[in-house]
Amino acid sequence: PISEAVHELLRNTEEHARTDLDGNRLTRSLRVLQARRHSIGSEALDRAVADTPAIRAYCQRLRPPGRGKQIQLVEISVLDSGPGLGNRYASRRFARGDHELELESVRECFEKNTTTKPRSGTGLGLPNVVAMLRKSNGFLRLRTGRQSLFADLGLERDIDYGVAPDLQPLQTG
């Protein structure tokens, strides 16, 4: 499932990070994938996530059985030089005061059959990634445009395929 999710994410970034919103090819386009496996003790994990309540709550559910055991995490980060999910989907740049409109546009990107591509049979990439994360008790952190969002997908296991995750602003501090 992880390799399928990575494939979907890379394919999306390959298709969307090469042009700006007007369709002009970027002179430089950046696409990065980083995958890391973490083996971390409970106390060290608590310190690492202390400033982010949503991530802290997620990590508190990951306690391994027995004392002294390490928590195993897989972190996958994908970034690109594209204009951002909401901007690409809405085919526009959001003004500073359009925070809620941008957020709604980003949320729509995760719904089944939502796509900016002209061909049929598309619009399943992000729903596939979300389904995999729901099944494996995953956590999604998304930074796009001016949005910093999260969804604790382990709490959404019973939600139907294709329904957008409950993306919420990520608060720190």
N, C-alpha and C. Protein backbone atom coordinates (compact mmCIF):
# COMPACT_ATOMS: atom_id res chain seq x y z
N PRO A 1 0.80 -1.22 0.00
CA PRO A 1 0.00 0.00 0.00
C PRO A 1 0.84 1.28 0.00
N ILE A 2 1.96 1.26 0.70
CA ILE A 2 2.80 2.45 0.75
C ILE A 2 3.37 2.75 -0.63
N SER A 3 3.82 1.73 -1.34
CA SER A 3 4.38 1.98 -2.67
C SER A 3 3.32 2.52 -3.63
N GLU A 4 2.08 2.05 -3.51
CA GLU A 4 1.00 2.58 -4.34
C GLU A 4 0.74 4.04 -4.03
N ALA A 5 0.75 4.39 -2.75
CA ALA A 5 0.52 5.78 -2.35
C ALA A 5 1.64 6.68 -2.87
N VAL A 6 2.87 6.23 -2.72
CA VAL A 6 4.01 7.00 -3.21
C VAL A 6 3.91 7.19 -4.72
N HIS A 7 3.54 6.13 -5.43
CA HIS A 7 3.38 6.23 -6.89
C HIS A 7 2.34 7.29 -7.25
N GLU A 8 1.20 7.29 -6.58
CA GLU A 8 0.15 8.28 -6.85
C GLU A 8 0.64 9.70 -6.57
N LEU A 9 1.32 9.88 -5.45
CA LEU A 9 1.80 11.21 -5.09
C LEU A 9 2.84 11.71 -6.09
N LEU A 10 3.75 10.84 -6.49
CA LEU A 10 4.77 11.26 -7.46
C LEU A 10 4.17 11.54 -8.82
N ARG A 11 3.21 10.73 -9.21
CA ARG A 11 2.57 10.97 -10.51
C ARG A 11 1.85 12.32 -10.51
N ASN A 12 1.16 12.62 -9.42
CA ASN A 12 0.48 13.91 -9.34
C ASN A 12 1.47 15.07 -9.39
N THR A 13 2.55 14.96 -8.64
CA THR A 13 3.50 16.06 -8.64
C THR A 13 4.20 16.19 -9.99
N GLU A 14 4.42 15.09 -10.67
CA GLU A 14 5.01 15.15 -12.01
C GLU A 14 4.09 15.89 -12.98
N GLU A 15 2.80 15.66 -12.87
CA GLU A 15 1.86 16.29 -13.78
C GLU A 15 1.54 17.73 -13.42
N HIS A 16 1.61 18.09 -12.15
CA HIS A 16 1.15 19.41 -11.73
C HIS A 16 2.25 20.41 -11.38
N ALA A 17 3.48 19.97 -11.27
CA ALA A 17 4.54 20.88 -10.84
C ALA A 17 5.37 21.42 -11.99
N ARG A 18 5.00 21.12 -13.20
CA ARG A 18 5.79 21.58 -14.35
C ARG A 18 5.29 22.88 -14.96
N THR A 19 4.08 23.30 -14.60
CA THR A 19 3.52 24.52 -15.18
C THR A 19 2.94 25.42 -14.09
N ASP A 20 2.82 26.70 -14.42
CA ASP A 20 2.15 27.62 -13.50
C ASP A 20 0.65 27.57 -13.76
N LEU A 21 -0.11 28.42 -13.08
CA LEU A 21 -1.57 28.39 -13.22
C LEU A 21 -2.05 28.78 -14.60
N ASP A 22 -1.24 29.53 -15.34
CA ASP A 22 -1.61 29.94 -16.69
C ASP A 22 -1.22 28.91 -17.74
N GLY A 23 -0.62 27.80 -17.32
CA GLY A 23 -0.20 26.76 -18.25
C GLY A 23 1.18 26.95 -18.82
N ASN A 24 1.89 27.97 -18.36
CA ASN A 24 3.25 28.22 -18.83
C ASN A 24 4.21 27.25 -18.18
N ARG A 25 5.07 26.67 -18.99
CA ARG A 25 6.05 25.72 -18.48
C ARG A 25 7.06 26.47 -17.60
N LEU A 26 7.31 25.94 -16.42
CA LEU A 26 8.27 26.54 -15.50
C LEU A 26 9.69 26.29 -16.00
N THR A 27 10.55 27.28 -15.88
CA THR A 27 11.94 27.08 -16.31
C THR A 27 12.65 26.10 -15.40
N ARG A 28 12.25 26.09 -14.13
CA ARG A 28 12.79 25.11 -13.18
C ARG A 28 11.61 24.51 -12.42
N SER A 29 11.64 23.22 -12.31
CA SER A 29 10.57 22.52 -11.62
C SER A 29 11.22 21.56 -10.62
N LEU A 30 10.76 21.60 -9.41
CA LEU A 30 11.32 20.79 -8.35
C LEU A 30 10.29 19.78 -7.87
N ARG A 31 10.71 18.54 -7.76
CA ARG A 31 9.88 17.48 -7.20
C ARG A 31 10.78 16.65 -6.29
N VAL A 32 10.35 16.46 -5.04
CA VAL A 32 11.18 15.77 -4.06
C VAL A 32 10.34 14.74 -3.33
N LEU A 33 10.92 13.58 -3.10
CA LEU A 33 10.33 12.54 -2.28
C LEU A 33 11.34 12.17 -1.20
N GLN A 34 10.88 12.14 0.02
CA GLN A 34 11.72 11.69 1.12
C GLN A 34 10.92 10.67 1.91
N ALA A 35 11.51 9.53 2.14
CA ALA A 35 10.88 8.49 2.95
C ALA A 35 11.85 8.13 4.07
N ARG A 36 11.33 8.11 5.28
CA ARG A 36 12.16 7.77 6.43
C ARG A 36 11.40 6.86 7.37
N ARG A 37 12.13 5.94 7.94
CA ARG A 37 11.58 5.06 8.97
C ARG A 37 12.16 5.53 10.30
N HIS A 38 11.29 5.70 11.27
CA HIS A 38 11.70 6.15 12.59
C HIS A 38 11.44 5.04 13.60
N SER A 39 12.38 4.81 14.45
CA SER A 39 12.21 3.93 15.60
C SER A 39 12.53 4.80 16.80
N ILE A 40 11.51 5.09 17.60
CA ILE A 40 11.67 6.09 18.65
C ILE A 40 10.95 5.66 19.92
N GLY A 41 11.55 5.94 21.04
CA GLY A 41 10.95 5.63 22.33
C GLY A 41 9.80 6.59 22.64
N SER A 42 8.92 6.18 23.52
CA SER A 42 7.74 6.98 23.87
C SER A 42 8.11 8.35 24.42
N GLU A 43 9.09 8.40 25.31
CA GLU A 43 9.46 9.68 25.92
C GLU A 43 10.05 10.65 24.89
N ALA A 44 10.91 10.15 24.01
CA ALA A 44 11.50 10.99 22.97
C ALA A 44 10.43 11.47 22.00
N LEU A 45 9.49 10.60 21.68
CA LEU A 45 8.40 11.00 20.80
C LEU A 45 7.53 12.08 21.45
N ASP A 46 7.25 11.92 22.74
CA ASP A 46 6.46 12.93 23.45
C ASP A 46 7.14 14.30 23.39
N ARG A 47 8.45 14.33 23.56
CA ARG A 47 9.17 15.60 23.48
C ARG A 47 9.13 16.18 22.07
N ALA A 48 9.24 15.34 21.07
CA ALA A 48 9.29 15.79 19.68
C ALA A 48 7.96 16.40 19.21
N VAL A 49 6.86 15.95 19.75
CA VAL A 49 5.54 16.41 19.29
C VAL A 49 4.83 17.31 20.31
N ALA A 50 5.54 17.72 21.33
CA ALA A 50 4.92 18.47 22.44
C ALA A 50 4.25 19.77 21.99
N ASP A 51 4.76 20.42 20.95
CA ASP A 51 4.24 21.72 20.54
C ASP A 51 3.11 21.65 19.51
N THR A 52 2.71 20.46 19.11
CA THR A 52 1.66 20.32 18.10
C THR A 52 0.58 19.39 18.62
N PRO A 53 -0.50 19.94 19.18
CA PRO A 53 -1.53 19.12 19.84
C PRO A 53 -2.10 18.00 18.97
N ALA A 54 -2.37 18.24 17.70
CA ALA A 54 -2.98 17.20 16.86
C ALA A 54 -2.02 16.03 16.65
N ILE A 55 -0.76 16.32 16.41
CA ILE A 55 0.22 15.24 16.23
C ILE A 55 0.48 14.54 17.55
N ARG A 56 0.49 15.29 18.64
CA ARG A 56 0.68 14.70 19.97
C ARG A 56 -0.46 13.72 20.27
N ALA A 57 -1.70 14.10 19.99
CA ALA A 57 -2.84 13.22 20.24
C ALA A 57 -2.74 11.94 19.40
N TYR A 58 -2.33 12.09 18.15
CA TYR A 58 -2.16 10.93 17.27
C TYR A 58 -1.09 9.99 17.85
N CYS A 59 0.05 10.55 18.22
CA CYS A 59 1.16 9.74 18.69
C CYS A 59 0.85 9.04 20.02
N GLN A 60 -0.01 9.63 20.84
CA GLN A 60 -0.36 9.00 22.11
C GLN A 60 -1.13 7.69 21.90
N ARG A 61 -1.74 7.52 20.75
CA ARG A 61 -2.44 6.27 20.45
C ARG A 61 -1.50 5.19 19.92
N LEU A 62 -0.25 5.52 19.70
CA LEU A 62 0.69 4.59 19.07
C LEU A 62 1.55 3.82 20.06
N ARG A 63 1.17 3.79 21.30
CA ARG A 63 2.00 3.15 22.33
C ARG A 63 2.17 1.67 22.05
N PRO A 64 3.43 1.20 22.01
CA PRO A 64 3.66 -0.23 21.78
C PRO A 64 3.38 -1.02 23.04
N PRO A 65 3.04 -2.28 22.88
CA PRO A 65 2.82 -3.12 24.07
C PRO A 65 4.15 -3.36 24.78
N GLY A 66 4.11 -3.38 26.07
CA GLY A 66 5.32 -3.65 26.85
C GLY A 66 6.14 -2.40 27.11
N ARG A 67 7.01 -2.50 28.09
CA ARG A 67 7.85 -1.35 28.46
C ARG A 67 9.13 -1.35 27.65
N GLY A 68 9.62 -0.16 27.37
CA GLY A 68 10.92 -0.03 26.72
C GLY A 68 10.92 -0.30 25.23
N LYS A 69 9.77 -0.55 24.67
CA LYS A 69 9.71 -0.84 23.23
C LYS A 69 9.71 0.46 22.43
N GLN A 70 10.19 0.36 21.23
CA GLN A 70 10.26 1.50 20.32
C GLN A 70 8.99 1.57 19.47
N ILE A 71 8.57 2.78 19.16
CA ILE A 71 7.44 3.01 18.26
C ILE A 71 8.01 3.09 16.85
N GLN A 72 7.39 2.37 15.94
CA GLN A 72 7.85 2.35 14.55
C GLN A 72 6.96 3.26 13.70
N LEU A 73 7.57 4.23 13.03
CA LEU A 73 6.83 5.18 12.18
C LEU A 73 7.46 5.23 10.80
N VAL A 74 6.63 5.44 9.80
CA VAL A 74 7.11 5.69 8.45
C VAL A 74 6.63 7.09 8.08
N GLU A 75 7.56 7.93 7.68
CA GLU A 75 7.26 9.30 7.27
C GLU A 75 7.55 9.42 5.78
N ILE A 76 6.57 9.89 5.04
CA ILE A 76 6.74 10.11 3.61
C ILE A 76 6.43 11.58 3.34
N SER A 77 7.40 12.28 2.79
CA SER A 77 7.22 13.69 2.46
C SER A 77 7.37 13.86 0.95
N VAL A 78 6.43 14.60 0.37
CA VAL A 78 6.47 14.90 -1.05
C VAL A 78 6.31 16.41 -1.18
N LEU A 79 7.18 17.02 -1.96
CA LEU A 79 7.03 18.44 -2.21
C LEU A 79 7.35 18.74 -3.66
N ASP A 80 6.78 19.84 -4.14
CA ASP A 80 7.05 20.25 -5.51
C ASP A 80 6.95 21.76 -5.63
N SER A 81 7.29 22.26 -6.80
CA SER A 81 7.30 23.70 -7.04
C SER A 81 6.02 24.18 -7.72
N GLY A 82 4.99 23.37 -7.71
CA GLY A 82 3.72 23.75 -8.32
C GLY A 82 3.01 24.83 -7.52
N PRO A 83 1.89 25.33 -8.02
CA PRO A 83 1.17 26.44 -7.38
C PRO A 83 0.36 26.06 -6.15
N GLY A 84 0.23 24.79 -5.84
CA GLY A 84 -0.56 24.35 -4.68
C GLY A 84 -1.86 23.71 -5.11
N LEU A 85 -2.35 22.78 -4.31
CA LEU A 85 -3.56 22.02 -4.65
C LEU A 85 -4.76 22.91 -4.91
N GLY A 86 -5.09 23.77 -3.96
CA GLY A 86 -6.28 24.62 -4.09
C GLY A 86 -6.17 25.56 -5.27
N ASN A 87 -5.02 26.17 -5.44
CA ASN A 87 -4.82 27.09 -6.56
C ASN A 87 -4.96 26.36 -7.90
N ARG A 88 -4.34 25.19 -8.01
CA ARG A 88 -4.40 24.42 -9.27
C ARG A 88 -5.84 24.00 -9.55
N TYR A 89 -6.53 23.49 -8.54
CA TYR A 89 -7.88 23.00 -8.74
C TYR A 89 -8.84 24.13 -9.13
N ALA A 90 -8.70 25.28 -8.48
CA ALA A 90 -9.59 26.42 -8.77
C ALA A 90 -9.12 27.23 -9.97
N SER A 91 -7.94 26.91 -10.49
CA SER A 91 -7.35 27.63 -11.62
C SER A 91 -7.25 29.13 -11.33
N ARG A 92 -6.85 29.44 -10.11
CA ARG A 92 -6.69 30.84 -9.74
C ARG A 92 -5.80 30.96 -8.52
N ARG A 93 -5.27 32.15 -8.35
CA ARG A 93 -4.51 32.47 -7.15
C ARG A 93 -5.48 33.09 -6.15
N PHE A 94 -5.44 32.61 -4.95
CA PHE A 94 -6.33 33.14 -3.93
C PHE A 94 -5.73 34.39 -3.30
N ALA A 95 -6.56 35.40 -3.10
CA ALA A 95 -6.13 36.62 -2.43
C ALA A 95 -5.98 36.35 -0.94
N ARG A 96 -5.32 37.24 -0.25
CA ARG A 96 -5.08 37.06 1.19
C ARG A 96 -6.36 36.80 1.97
N GLY A 97 -7.43 37.46 1.66
CA GLY A 97 -8.69 37.31 2.39
C GLY A 97 -9.50 36.08 2.01
N ASP A 98 -9.02 35.30 1.05
CA ASP A 98 -9.76 34.14 0.56
C ASP A 98 -9.35 32.84 1.25
N HIS A 99 -8.97 32.93 2.52
CA HIS A 99 -8.48 31.75 3.24
C HIS A 99 -9.49 30.61 3.23
N GLU A 100 -10.75 30.90 3.53
CA GLU A 100 -11.79 29.84 3.56
C GLU A 100 -12.06 29.27 2.17
N LEU A 101 -12.05 30.11 1.15
CA LEU A 101 -12.24 29.61 -0.22
C LEU A 101 -11.09 28.69 -0.63
N GLU A 102 -9.87 29.07 -0.27
CA GLU A 102 -8.72 28.22 -0.57
C GLU A 102 -8.82 26.89 0.17
N LEU A 103 -9.20 26.94 1.44
CA LEU A 103 -9.36 25.72 2.23
C LEU A 103 -10.40 24.79 1.61
N GLU A 104 -11.53 25.33 1.21
CA GLU A 104 -12.58 24.51 0.58
C GLU A 104 -12.10 23.91 -0.73
N SER A 105 -11.34 24.66 -1.49
CA SER A 105 -10.79 24.16 -2.75
C SER A 105 -9.83 23.00 -2.49
N VAL A 106 -8.99 23.13 -1.47
CA VAL A 106 -8.06 22.05 -1.11
C VAL A 106 -8.85 20.81 -0.70
N ARG A 107 -9.87 20.98 0.13
CA ARG A 107 -10.68 19.84 0.57
C ARG A 107 -11.33 19.12 -0.61
N GLU A 108 -11.81 19.87 -1.59
CA GLU A 108 -12.45 19.27 -2.77
C GLU A 108 -11.47 18.40 -3.55
N CYS A 109 -10.19 18.75 -3.53
CA CYS A 109 -9.19 17.97 -4.26
C CYS A 109 -9.13 16.51 -3.82
N PHE A 110 -9.57 16.24 -2.60
CA PHE A 110 -9.49 14.89 -2.04
C PHE A 110 -10.74 14.06 -2.30
N GLU A 111 -11.76 14.63 -2.91
CA GLU A 111 -12.98 13.88 -3.19
C GLU A 111 -12.80 13.01 -4.43
N LYS A 112 -13.48 11.89 -4.43
CA LYS A 112 -13.42 10.94 -5.54
C LYS A 112 -13.84 11.61 -6.85
N ASN A 113 -13.10 11.33 -7.90
CA ASN A 113 -13.34 11.82 -9.26
C ASN A 113 -13.14 13.32 -9.43
N THR A 114 -12.47 13.95 -8.48
CA THR A 114 -12.13 15.36 -8.61
C THR A 114 -10.79 15.45 -9.32
N THR A 115 -10.75 16.19 -10.42
CA THR A 115 -9.51 16.27 -11.20
C THR A 115 -9.47 17.55 -12.01
N THR A 116 -8.28 17.94 -12.38
CA THR A 116 -8.10 19.06 -13.31
C THR A 116 -7.72 18.54 -14.69
N LYS A 117 -7.64 17.23 -14.82
CA LYS A 117 -7.23 16.63 -16.09
C LYS A 117 -8.43 16.50 -17.02
N PRO A 118 -8.20 16.69 -18.32
CA PRO A 118 -9.32 16.64 -19.27
C PRO A 118 -9.79 15.22 -19.60
N ARG A 119 -9.02 14.22 -19.25
CA ARG A 119 -9.40 12.85 -19.63
C ARG A 119 -10.19 12.16 -18.52
N SER A 120 -11.02 11.21 -18.92
CA SER A 120 -11.81 10.48 -17.93
C SER A 120 -10.95 9.39 -17.27
N GLY A 121 -11.46 8.86 -16.19
CA GLY A 121 -10.73 7.81 -15.49
C GLY A 121 -9.67 8.36 -14.54
N THR A 122 -9.72 9.66 -14.28
CA THR A 122 -8.77 10.26 -13.35
C THR A 122 -9.52 10.75 -12.12
N GLY A 123 -8.79 11.24 -11.14
CA GLY A 123 -9.43 11.75 -9.93
C GLY A 123 -9.51 10.72 -8.82
N LEU A 124 -8.66 9.69 -8.89
CA LEU A 124 -8.67 8.67 -7.83
C LEU A 124 -7.36 8.63 -7.05
N GLY A 125 -6.37 9.40 -7.47
CA GLY A 125 -5.05 9.36 -6.83
C GLY A 125 -5.09 9.72 -5.35
N LEU A 126 -5.57 10.92 -5.03
CA LEU A 126 -5.62 11.32 -3.62
C LEU A 126 -6.61 10.47 -2.82
N PRO A 127 -7.79 10.12 -3.36
CA PRO A 127 -8.65 9.20 -2.60
C PRO A 127 -7.97 7.86 -2.31
N ASN A 128 -7.15 7.36 -3.23
CA ASN A 128 -6.41 6.12 -2.97
C ASN A 128 -5.42 6.29 -1.84
N VAL A 129 -4.71 7.41 -1.82
CA VAL A 129 -3.76 7.69 -0.75
C VAL A 129 -4.49 7.78 0.59
N VAL A 130 -5.59 8.50 0.62
CA VAL A 130 -6.36 8.66 1.86
C VAL A 130 -6.88 7.30 2.33
N ALA A 131 -7.37 6.47 1.42
CA ALA A 131 -7.88 5.14 1.80
C ALA A 131 -6.77 4.30 2.42
N MET A 132 -5.57 4.36 1.85
CA MET A 132 -4.45 3.61 2.40
C MET A 132 -4.09 4.12 3.79
N LEU A 133 -4.09 5.44 3.96
CA LEU A 133 -3.76 6.00 5.27
C LEU A 133 -4.84 5.67 6.31
N ARG A 134 -6.10 5.68 5.90
CA ARG A 134 -7.17 5.30 6.83
C ARG A 134 -7.00 3.86 7.28
N LYS A 135 -6.71 3.00 6.34
CA LYS A 135 -6.57 1.57 6.64
C LYS A 135 -5.37 1.28 7.55
N SER A 136 -4.32 2.08 7.42
CA SER A 136 -3.10 1.82 8.19
C SER A 136 -2.92 2.77 9.38
N ASN A 137 -4.02 3.42 9.82
CA ASN A 137 -3.97 4.30 10.99
C ASN A 137 -3.01 5.46 10.77
N GLY A 138 -3.03 6.05 9.58
CA GLY A 138 -2.10 7.11 9.22
C GLY A 138 -2.53 8.50 9.64
N PHE A 139 -1.60 9.40 9.49
CA PHE A 139 -1.79 10.82 9.79
C PHE A 139 -1.32 11.59 8.58
N LEU A 140 -2.12 12.54 8.14
CA LEU A 140 -1.79 13.36 6.97
C LEU A 140 -1.52 14.78 7.42
N ARG A 141 -0.37 15.28 7.06
CA ARG A 141 -0.07 16.70 7.26
C ARG A 141 0.17 17.28 5.88
N LEU A 142 -0.51 18.37 5.60
CA LEU A 142 -0.49 18.96 4.26
C LEU A 142 -0.20 20.45 4.37
N ARG A 143 0.82 20.87 3.66
CA ARG A 143 1.08 22.30 3.52
C ARG A 143 0.98 22.63 2.04
N THR A 144 0.04 23.49 1.70
CA THR A 144 -0.18 23.86 0.32
C THR A 144 -0.71 25.28 0.27
N GLY A 145 -0.21 26.06 -0.67
CA GLY A 145 -0.60 27.46 -0.69
C GLY A 145 -0.30 28.08 0.67
N ARG A 146 -1.27 28.74 1.24
CA ARG A 146 -1.10 29.31 2.59
C ARG A 146 -1.69 28.41 3.67
N GLN A 147 -2.04 27.21 3.32
CA GLN A 147 -2.70 26.29 4.25
C GLN A 147 -1.69 25.34 4.91
N SER A 148 -1.86 25.14 6.20
CA SER A 148 -1.16 24.10 6.94
C SER A 148 -2.25 23.28 7.61
N LEU A 149 -2.47 22.07 7.11
CA LEU A 149 -3.63 21.27 7.49
C LEU A 149 -3.21 19.89 7.98
N PHE A 150 -4.15 19.20 8.64
CA PHE A 150 -3.91 17.83 9.04
C PHE A 150 -5.23 17.06 9.02
N ALA A 151 -5.09 15.74 8.97
CA ALA A 151 -6.22 14.83 9.17
C ALA A 151 -5.68 13.60 9.88
N ASP A 152 -6.27 13.26 10.99
CA ASP A 152 -5.91 12.05 11.73
C ASP A 152 -6.76 10.92 11.14
N LEU A 153 -6.22 10.25 10.15
CA LEU A 153 -7.00 9.29 9.37
C LEU A 153 -7.25 7.98 10.10
N GLY A 154 -6.52 7.73 11.16
CA GLY A 154 -6.81 6.56 11.98
C GLY A 154 -8.16 6.68 12.66
N LEU A 155 -8.65 7.91 12.83
CA LEU A 155 -9.97 8.13 13.43
C LEU A 155 -11.08 8.10 12.39
N GLU A 156 -10.72 7.92 11.12
CA GLU A 156 -11.70 7.95 10.03
C GLU A 156 -11.80 6.59 9.33
N ARG A 157 -11.49 5.53 10.02
CA ARG A 157 -11.44 4.20 9.38
C ARG A 157 -12.75 3.77 8.74
N ASP A 158 -13.87 4.17 9.29
CA ASP A 158 -15.17 3.70 8.79
C ASP A 158 -15.79 4.62 7.74
N ILE A 159 -15.06 5.60 7.27
CA ILE A 159 -15.59 6.52 6.27
C ILE A 159 -15.44 5.90 4.89
N ASP A 160 -16.45 6.08 4.06
CA ASP A 160 -16.47 5.48 2.73
C ASP A 160 -15.34 6.00 1.85
N TYR A 161 -14.92 5.14 0.92
CA TYR A 161 -13.90 5.51 -0.06
C TYR A 161 -14.37 6.73 -0.87
N GLY A 162 -13.45 7.65 -1.10
CA GLY A 162 -13.75 8.81 -1.93
C GLY A 162 -14.27 10.01 -1.19
N VAL A 163 -14.58 9.84 0.10
CA VAL A 163 -15.02 10.97 0.91
C VAL A 163 -13.74 11.69 1.39
N ALA A 164 -13.70 12.99 1.19
CA ALA A 164 -12.53 13.77 1.57
C ALA A 164 -12.26 13.64 3.06
N PRO A 165 -10.97 13.66 3.44
CA PRO A 165 -10.65 13.60 4.86
C PRO A 165 -11.08 14.89 5.56
N ASP A 166 -11.19 14.80 6.86
CA ASP A 166 -11.57 15.95 7.68
C ASP A 166 -10.34 16.83 7.90
N LEU A 167 -9.95 17.58 6.88
CA LEU A 167 -8.78 18.45 6.96
C LEU A 167 -9.07 19.64 7.85
N GLN A 168 -8.20 19.84 8.84
CA GLN A 168 -8.35 20.91 9.81
C GLN A 168 -7.05 21.71 9.86
N PRO A 169 -7.14 23.00 10.18
CA PRO A 169 -5.90 23.78 10.35
C PRO A 169 -5.03 23.20 11.45
N LEU A 170 -3.74 23.08 11.18
CA LEU A 170 -2.80 22.56 12.16
C LEU A 170 -2.32 23.69 13.05
N GLN A 171 -2.58 23.56 14.33
CA GLN A 171 -2.19 24.58 15.32
C GLN A 171 -0.91 24.13 16.01
N THR A 172 -0.02 25.07 16.23
CA THR A 172 1.20 24.77 16.96
C THR A 172 1.33 25.76 18.11
N GLY A 173 2.16 25.37 19.07
CA GLY A 173 2.45 26.30 20.15
C GLY A 173 1.94 25.90 21.46
